[in-house]
Amino acid sequence: MKKIFNILILLSLGLMVTSCYYDELPLEPVPANVKFSKDVQKIFDQNCIGCHKGAAPNPAPDLTRANSYLALTTVVGGESFVIPGDASNSILFEVMTGHGEVLMPPNGALSSTKQKTVEKWINDGAINN
C-alpha cells in the first residue's frame, strides 16, 4: 500500500513539474500607438545611452533624450539611421536585429518586444511624438 502511495505521489509531482513551465516568458505587448518619447526613448534609456551619450565618435548616434530624434532622422552624407516607413532598410533596425554589420547593444540582442516596438515606430512614419 505504501509503495502504491509513493508511486502516486511521484507521478503527481512529475505531472505538476512538467505542466508548469514556459518555453518563453510571456512578452509585453507592443503598444498599439507607439510614441517616440514614451516607448522608443524608454528603450534607448534602458539599453543604449550607456554608450550612445554624445561622447562616442561618429557615426554613432547620440541617443540621449535631448538629441536622439534628430540624431536618428537627420540625413548626413546621404543617409540617416531611420528611414520613416521602412524599418527593414533603416540602419537603426538593422543593427538592433543583427542584420547589419554589428549587433547593438553589443552585450546581446534586445527582446523581440523592444525590437518590434522600434520597428512599428519606424514603419508608422518615425514621428516625433
Protein backbone atom coordinates (compact mmCIF):
# COMPACT_ATOMS: atom_id res chain seq x y z
CA MET A 1 0.00 0.00 0.00
CA LYS A 2 2.81 2.36 0.90
CA LYS A 3 4.56 1.65 -2.43
CA ILE A 4 1.42 2.49 -4.38
CA PHE A 5 1.03 5.72 -2.42
CA ASN A 6 4.68 6.67 -3.12
CA ILE A 7 4.26 5.89 -6.82
CA LEU A 8 1.12 8.04 -6.99
CA ILE A 9 2.95 10.91 -5.24
CA LEU A 10 5.87 10.66 -7.66
CA LEU A 11 3.55 10.54 -10.68
CA SER A 12 1.63 13.56 -9.38
CA LEU A 13 4.82 15.52 -8.80
CA GLY A 14 6.11 14.56 -12.24
CA LEU A 15 2.91 15.76 -13.89
CA MET A 16 2.97 19.01 -11.92
CA VAL A 17 6.59 19.74 -12.77
CA THR A 18 6.19 19.08 -16.49
CA SER A 19 2.97 21.06 -16.79
CA CYS A 20 4.27 24.21 -15.10
CA TYR A 21 6.88 25.62 -17.44
CA TYR A 22 7.20 28.24 -20.12
CA ASP A 23 9.12 27.87 -23.34
CA GLU A 24 9.49 31.64 -23.11
CA LEU A 25 8.41 34.17 -20.59
CA PRO A 26 5.25 35.96 -21.66
CA LEU A 27 6.16 39.07 -23.62
CA GLU A 28 4.88 42.54 -23.03
CA PRO A 29 2.61 43.54 -25.88
CA VAL A 30 3.80 46.08 -28.42
CA PRO A 31 1.81 49.28 -27.85
CA ALA A 32 -0.92 49.90 -30.44
CA ASN A 33 0.21 53.51 -30.89
CA VAL A 34 3.96 53.62 -30.38
CA LYS A 35 5.12 57.01 -29.10
CA PHE A 36 8.73 58.04 -29.59
CA SER A 37 9.05 59.92 -26.30
CA LYS A 38 7.25 57.29 -24.22
CA ASP A 39 8.08 53.93 -25.82
CA VAL A 40 11.13 54.23 -28.08
CA GLN A 41 13.15 56.64 -25.94
CA LYS A 42 12.50 54.38 -22.94
CA ILE A 43 14.24 51.54 -24.83
CA PHE A 44 17.21 53.82 -25.55
CA ASP A 45 17.34 55.00 -21.93
CA GLN A 46 17.40 51.42 -20.62
CA ASN A 47 19.70 49.83 -23.19
CA CYS A 48 21.69 52.30 -25.27
CA ILE A 49 22.72 55.58 -23.66
CA GLY A 50 25.44 53.95 -21.60
CA CYS A 51 27.48 54.13 -24.82
CA HIS A 52 25.44 56.47 -27.03
CA LYS A 53 25.50 59.61 -24.93
CA GLY A 54 27.17 62.06 -27.27
CA ALA A 55 30.75 61.19 -26.41
CA ALA A 56 31.00 58.29 -28.86
CA PRO A 57 32.81 59.00 -32.12
CA ASN A 58 30.76 59.40 -35.27
CA PRO A 59 28.85 57.74 -36.83
CA ALA A 60 27.37 56.52 -33.53
CA PRO A 61 24.18 58.50 -32.80
CA ASP A 62 23.65 60.40 -29.56
CA LEU A 63 20.60 58.65 -28.05
CA THR A 64 20.13 60.91 -25.03
CA ARG A 65 16.62 62.27 -24.61
CA ALA A 66 17.54 65.76 -25.85
CA ASN A 67 19.25 64.60 -29.05
CA SER A 68 18.07 61.15 -30.08
CA TYR A 69 15.27 62.00 -32.52
CA LEU A 70 17.39 64.40 -34.57
CA ALA A 71 20.42 62.13 -34.39
CA LEU A 72 18.39 59.27 -35.86
CA THR A 73 16.40 61.14 -38.51
CA THR A 74 18.83 63.77 -39.81
CA VAL A 75 20.33 62.90 -43.17
CA VAL A 76 24.12 63.10 -43.09
CA GLY A 77 26.14 62.16 -46.14
CA GLY A 78 23.02 60.91 -47.90
CA GLU A 79 21.99 58.57 -45.07
CA SER A 80 20.10 58.66 -41.82
CA PHE A 81 19.77 55.96 -39.19
CA VAL A 82 16.00 55.81 -39.69
CA ILE A 83 14.04 55.77 -42.95
CA PRO A 84 10.47 56.68 -41.95
CA GLY A 85 8.07 53.98 -43.10
CA ASP A 86 10.83 51.48 -43.90
CA ALA A 87 12.24 49.68 -40.86
CA SER A 88 13.81 46.85 -42.84
CA ASN A 89 16.15 49.31 -44.60
CA SER A 90 16.80 51.53 -41.58
CA ILE A 91 20.28 51.27 -40.09
CA LEU A 92 18.86 51.51 -36.56
CA PHE A 93 16.64 48.46 -37.04
CA GLU A 94 19.34 46.50 -38.88
CA VAL A 95 21.81 46.81 -36.02
CA MET A 96 19.13 46.12 -33.38
CA THR A 97 18.19 42.85 -35.06
CA GLY A 98 21.71 41.81 -36.00
CA HIS A 99 21.12 42.17 -39.74
CA GLY A 100 23.70 44.94 -40.01
CA GLU A 101 27.44 44.70 -39.67
CA VAL A 102 27.19 44.76 -35.88
CA LEU A 103 24.61 43.90 -33.24
CA MET A 104 23.51 46.58 -30.81
CA PRO A 105 23.61 46.52 -27.91
CA PRO A 106 26.86 44.58 -28.06
CA ASN A 107 26.09 42.63 -24.87
CA GLY A 108 23.12 40.90 -26.52
CA ALA A 109 20.05 41.50 -28.63
CA LEU A 110 17.08 43.42 -27.34
CA SER A 111 13.92 41.44 -26.62
CA SER A 112 11.65 40.82 -29.57
CA THR A 113 9.04 43.12 -27.98
CA LYS A 114 11.53 46.01 -27.91
CA GLN A 115 12.62 45.29 -31.47
CA LYS A 116 9.00 45.16 -32.65
CA THR A 117 8.24 48.42 -30.83
CA VAL A 118 11.04 50.23 -32.67
CA GLU A 119 10.05 48.52 -35.93
CA LYS A 120 6.43 49.67 -35.52
CA TRP A 121 7.53 53.24 -34.74
CA ILE A 122 9.67 53.38 -37.88
CA ASN A 123 7.04 51.72 -40.10
CA ASP A 124 4.39 54.11 -38.76
CA GLY A 125 6.42 57.06 -40.06
CA ALA A 126 9.00 57.62 -37.28
CA ILE A 127 7.01 60.50 -35.86
CA ASN A 128 8.48 62.65 -33.07
CA ASN A 129 5.62 62.28 -30.62
